[in-house]
Amino acid sequence: ESPSLMIAKRIQEMGIGKLIVAEPNISECDGLDLRSYRDVVNEADVLVLLVKHKDFFDLNLLIPKNRVVIDACGILEHGTVHKCK
């Protein structure tokens, strides 16, 4: 199991809010609500980027202005933690 899925499961176990996950390389994972990354970008209040998937390279264009983003893998051009403007 990938480290990013382990992190997602741990966050879910903590019960701190609704968790939705985008992981382009799998279609299902027990206990996680997997969706397309476009759905996650539109629905999430906080985006946490853990893996530099090629599918995520256009996220800068898709992230709504009111989202908080934590970019742990350096995929966004504006640094590792920012609020989109």
N, C-alpha and C. Protein backbone atom coordinates (compact mmCIF):
# COMPACT_ATOMS: atom_id res chain seq x y z
N GLU A 1 0.85 -1.19 0.00
CA GLU A 1 0.00 0.00 0.00
C GLU A 1 0.88 1.24 0.00
N SER A 2 0.46 2.23 -0.77
CA SER A 2 1.27 3.44 -0.91
C SER A 2 1.23 4.29 0.37
N PRO A 3 2.31 5.02 0.63
CA PRO A 3 2.33 5.92 1.80
C PRO A 3 1.20 6.94 1.77
N SER A 4 0.84 7.44 0.59
CA SER A 4 -0.23 8.44 0.53
C SER A 4 -1.58 7.84 0.92
N LEU A 5 -1.84 6.59 0.56
CA LEU A 5 -3.08 5.94 0.99
C LEU A 5 -3.07 5.68 2.49
N MET A 6 -1.91 5.35 3.03
CA MET A 6 -1.82 5.15 4.48
C MET A 6 -2.11 6.47 5.21
N ILE A 7 -1.61 7.58 4.68
CA ILE A 7 -1.88 8.89 5.27
C ILE A 7 -3.37 9.20 5.19
N ALA A 8 -3.99 8.95 4.04
CA ALA A 8 -5.42 9.20 3.87
C ALA A 8 -6.23 8.38 4.86
N LYS A 9 -5.88 7.12 5.02
CA LYS A 9 -6.61 6.27 5.98
C LYS A 9 -6.43 6.77 7.40
N ARG A 10 -5.24 7.24 7.73
CA ARG A 10 -5.00 7.76 9.08
C ARG A 10 -5.82 9.02 9.33
N ILE A 11 -5.89 9.90 8.35
CA ILE A 11 -6.70 11.12 8.48
C ILE A 11 -8.16 10.73 8.69
N GLN A 12 -8.63 9.75 7.93
CA GLN A 12 -10.01 9.30 8.08
C GLN A 12 -10.26 8.72 9.47
N GLU A 13 -9.31 7.95 9.98
CA GLU A 13 -9.45 7.38 11.32
C GLU A 13 -9.54 8.46 12.39
N MET A 14 -8.90 9.59 12.15
CA MET A 14 -8.91 10.69 13.11
C MET A 14 -10.29 11.35 13.19
N GLY A 15 -11.10 11.18 12.16
CA GLY A 15 -12.46 11.70 12.18
C GLY A 15 -12.55 13.21 12.23
N ILE A 16 -11.65 13.89 11.54
CA ILE A 16 -11.64 15.36 11.61
C ILE A 16 -12.47 16.02 10.53
N GLY A 17 -13.14 15.25 9.72
CA GLY A 17 -13.99 15.80 8.67
C GLY A 17 -14.19 14.78 7.58
N LYS A 18 -14.94 15.17 6.59
CA LYS A 18 -15.19 14.29 5.45
C LYS A 18 -13.93 14.23 4.59
N LEU A 19 -13.53 13.03 4.24
CA LEU A 19 -12.32 12.83 3.44
C LEU A 19 -12.71 12.26 2.08
N ILE A 20 -12.28 12.93 1.02
CA ILE A 20 -12.42 12.38 -0.33
C ILE A 20 -11.04 12.33 -0.95
N VAL A 21 -10.78 11.30 -1.73
CA VAL A 21 -9.42 11.00 -2.20
C VAL A 21 -9.40 10.87 -3.72
N ALA A 22 -8.37 11.43 -4.34
CA ALA A 22 -8.11 11.21 -5.76
C ALA A 22 -6.80 10.44 -5.88
N GLU A 23 -6.87 9.28 -6.46
CA GLU A 23 -5.69 8.45 -6.69
C GLU A 23 -5.87 7.82 -8.07
N PRO A 24 -5.22 8.40 -9.10
CA PRO A 24 -5.49 7.97 -10.47
C PRO A 24 -5.05 6.54 -10.79
N ASN A 25 -4.24 5.93 -9.95
CA ASN A 25 -3.73 4.60 -10.27
C ASN A 25 -4.55 3.45 -9.68
N ILE A 26 -5.59 3.76 -8.92
CA ILE A 26 -6.45 2.70 -8.38
C ILE A 26 -7.91 3.08 -8.57
N SER A 27 -8.77 2.09 -8.62
CA SER A 27 -10.20 2.37 -8.83
C SER A 27 -11.02 2.21 -7.56
N GLU A 28 -10.49 1.51 -6.56
CA GLU A 28 -11.18 1.41 -5.28
C GLU A 28 -10.21 1.07 -4.17
N CYS A 29 -10.58 1.45 -2.97
CA CYS A 29 -9.76 1.17 -1.78
C CYS A 29 -10.71 1.10 -0.59
N ASP A 30 -10.65 0.02 0.12
CA ASP A 30 -11.56 -0.19 1.26
C ASP A 30 -11.56 1.01 2.20
N GLY A 31 -12.74 1.51 2.46
CA GLY A 31 -12.91 2.56 3.45
C GLY A 31 -12.67 3.98 2.96
N LEU A 32 -12.17 4.16 1.75
CA LEU A 32 -11.91 5.51 1.25
C LEU A 32 -12.88 5.85 0.13
N ASP A 33 -13.29 7.10 0.12
CA ASP A 33 -14.18 7.62 -0.91
C ASP A 33 -13.32 8.13 -2.07
N LEU A 34 -13.07 7.28 -3.05
CA LEU A 34 -12.23 7.64 -4.19
C LEU A 34 -13.07 8.33 -5.27
N ARG A 35 -12.53 9.43 -5.78
CA ARG A 35 -13.20 10.20 -6.83
C ARG A 35 -12.16 10.68 -7.83
N SER A 36 -12.64 11.27 -8.92
CA SER A 36 -11.70 11.87 -9.87
C SER A 36 -11.08 13.10 -9.21
N TYR A 37 -9.88 13.45 -9.63
CA TYR A 37 -9.24 14.62 -9.02
C TYR A 37 -10.01 15.90 -9.32
N ARG A 38 -10.71 15.96 -10.42
CA ARG A 38 -11.51 17.14 -10.73
C ARG A 38 -12.67 17.28 -9.74
N ASP A 39 -13.29 16.16 -9.39
CA ASP A 39 -14.36 16.19 -8.38
C ASP A 39 -13.81 16.62 -7.03
N VAL A 40 -12.66 16.09 -6.65
CA VAL A 40 -12.06 16.43 -5.36
C VAL A 40 -11.72 17.91 -5.30
N VAL A 41 -11.13 18.45 -6.36
CA VAL A 41 -10.78 19.88 -6.40
C VAL A 41 -12.02 20.75 -6.22
N ASN A 42 -13.12 20.35 -6.82
CA ASN A 42 -14.35 21.14 -6.73
C ASN A 42 -15.05 21.02 -5.38
N GLU A 43 -14.88 19.91 -4.68
CA GLU A 43 -15.63 19.68 -3.44
C GLU A 43 -14.84 19.92 -2.16
N ALA A 44 -13.53 19.82 -2.21
CA ALA A 44 -12.73 19.88 -0.98
C ALA A 44 -12.54 21.31 -0.49
N ASP A 45 -12.52 21.46 0.83
CA ASP A 45 -12.18 22.75 1.44
C ASP A 45 -10.67 22.91 1.55
N VAL A 46 -9.98 21.79 1.76
CA VAL A 46 -8.52 21.76 1.87
C VAL A 46 -8.01 20.68 0.93
N LEU A 47 -7.04 21.02 0.11
CA LEU A 47 -6.41 20.05 -0.78
C LEU A 47 -5.02 19.73 -0.24
N VAL A 48 -4.73 18.45 -0.10
CA VAL A 48 -3.41 18.01 0.33
C VAL A 48 -2.84 17.17 -0.80
N LEU A 49 -1.77 17.66 -1.40
CA LEU A 49 -1.14 16.98 -2.53
C LEU A 49 0.05 16.19 -2.01
N LEU A 50 -0.01 14.87 -2.14
CA LEU A 50 1.03 14.01 -1.58
C LEU A 50 1.88 13.31 -2.63
N VAL A 51 1.37 13.21 -3.86
CA VAL A 51 2.08 12.49 -4.91
C VAL A 51 2.05 13.33 -6.19
N LYS A 52 3.16 13.37 -6.89
CA LYS A 52 3.30 14.17 -8.10
C LYS A 52 2.85 13.37 -9.33
N HIS A 53 1.56 13.04 -9.36
CA HIS A 53 1.01 12.32 -10.50
C HIS A 53 0.92 13.25 -11.71
N LYS A 54 1.22 12.72 -12.87
CA LYS A 54 1.12 13.50 -14.10
C LYS A 54 -0.29 14.05 -14.29
N ASP A 55 -1.30 13.30 -13.85
CA ASP A 55 -2.69 13.74 -13.96
C ASP A 55 -2.95 15.05 -13.21
N PHE A 56 -2.13 15.35 -12.22
CA PHE A 56 -2.35 16.52 -11.38
C PHE A 56 -1.63 17.77 -11.89
N PHE A 57 -0.90 17.69 -12.99
CA PHE A 57 -0.06 18.81 -13.44
C PHE A 57 -0.86 20.06 -13.80
N ASP A 58 -2.13 19.93 -14.12
CA ASP A 58 -2.93 21.12 -14.47
C ASP A 58 -3.75 21.66 -13.30
N LEU A 59 -3.43 21.24 -12.08
CA LEU A 59 -4.22 21.66 -10.92
C LEU A 59 -4.23 23.16 -10.70
N ASN A 60 -3.14 23.85 -11.00
CA ASN A 60 -3.12 25.32 -10.82
C ASN A 60 -4.27 25.99 -11.54
N LEU A 61 -4.66 25.44 -12.68
CA LEU A 61 -5.73 26.02 -13.47
C LEU A 61 -7.10 25.68 -12.92
N LEU A 62 -7.20 24.62 -12.11
CA LEU A 62 -8.48 24.10 -11.67
C LEU A 62 -8.87 24.48 -10.25
N ILE A 63 -7.91 24.83 -9.42
CA ILE A 63 -8.18 25.05 -8.00
C ILE A 63 -8.97 26.35 -7.81
N PRO A 64 -10.15 26.27 -7.20
CA PRO A 64 -10.93 27.48 -6.92
C PRO A 64 -10.18 28.42 -5.98
N LYS A 65 -10.50 29.69 -6.04
CA LYS A 65 -9.78 30.71 -5.29
C LYS A 65 -9.90 30.57 -3.78
N ASN A 66 -10.93 29.95 -3.28
CA ASN A 66 -11.13 29.87 -1.83
C ASN A 66 -10.56 28.61 -1.19
N ARG A 67 -9.73 27.86 -1.90
CA ARG A 67 -9.18 26.62 -1.37
C ARG A 67 -7.85 26.84 -0.68
N VAL A 68 -7.65 26.13 0.41
CA VAL A 68 -6.35 26.06 1.06
C VAL A 68 -5.65 24.84 0.47
N VAL A 69 -4.37 24.99 0.11
CA VAL A 69 -3.63 23.91 -0.52
C VAL A 69 -2.35 23.64 0.26
N ILE A 70 -2.12 22.37 0.57
CA ILE A 70 -0.86 21.93 1.15
C ILE A 70 -0.21 21.03 0.10
N ASP A 71 0.87 21.50 -0.47
CA ASP A 71 1.54 20.79 -1.56
C ASP A 71 2.82 20.16 -1.02
N ALA A 72 2.74 18.89 -0.67
CA ALA A 72 3.88 18.19 -0.07
C ALA A 72 4.83 17.62 -1.12
N CYS A 73 4.48 17.74 -2.39
CA CYS A 73 5.31 17.12 -3.43
C CYS A 73 5.84 18.12 -4.45
N GLY A 74 5.56 19.40 -4.28
CA GLY A 74 6.11 20.42 -5.15
C GLY A 74 5.50 20.47 -6.54
N ILE A 75 4.24 20.11 -6.65
CA ILE A 75 3.61 20.09 -7.97
C ILE A 75 3.10 21.47 -8.41
N LEU A 76 2.80 22.32 -7.46
CA LEU A 76 2.31 23.67 -7.79
C LEU A 76 3.48 24.62 -7.91
N GLU A 77 3.32 25.65 -8.70
CA GLU A 77 4.43 26.56 -8.95
C GLU A 77 4.62 27.62 -7.88
N HIS A 78 3.69 27.75 -6.93
CA HIS A 78 3.76 28.84 -5.95
C HIS A 78 4.24 28.42 -4.58
N GLY A 79 4.95 27.33 -4.43
CA GLY A 79 5.45 26.94 -3.13
C GLY A 79 4.70 25.77 -2.54
N THR A 80 5.01 25.43 -1.31
CA THR A 80 4.50 24.21 -0.73
C THR A 80 3.20 24.38 0.05
N VAL A 81 2.94 25.54 0.60
CA VAL A 81 1.68 25.76 1.31
C VAL A 81 1.18 27.15 0.93
N HIS A 82 -0.02 27.23 0.41
CA HIS A 82 -0.57 28.54 0.07
C HIS A 82 -2.08 28.49 -0.02
N LYS A 83 -2.65 29.64 0.04
CA LYS A 83 -4.07 29.79 -0.22
C LYS A 83 -4.19 30.42 -1.60
N CYS A 84 -4.89 29.76 -2.48
CA CYS A 84 -5.01 30.25 -3.85
C CYS A 84 -5.70 31.60 -3.88
N LYS A 85 -5.24 32.48 -4.75
CA LYS A 85 -5.81 33.82 -4.85
C LYS A 85 -6.53 33.99 -6.16
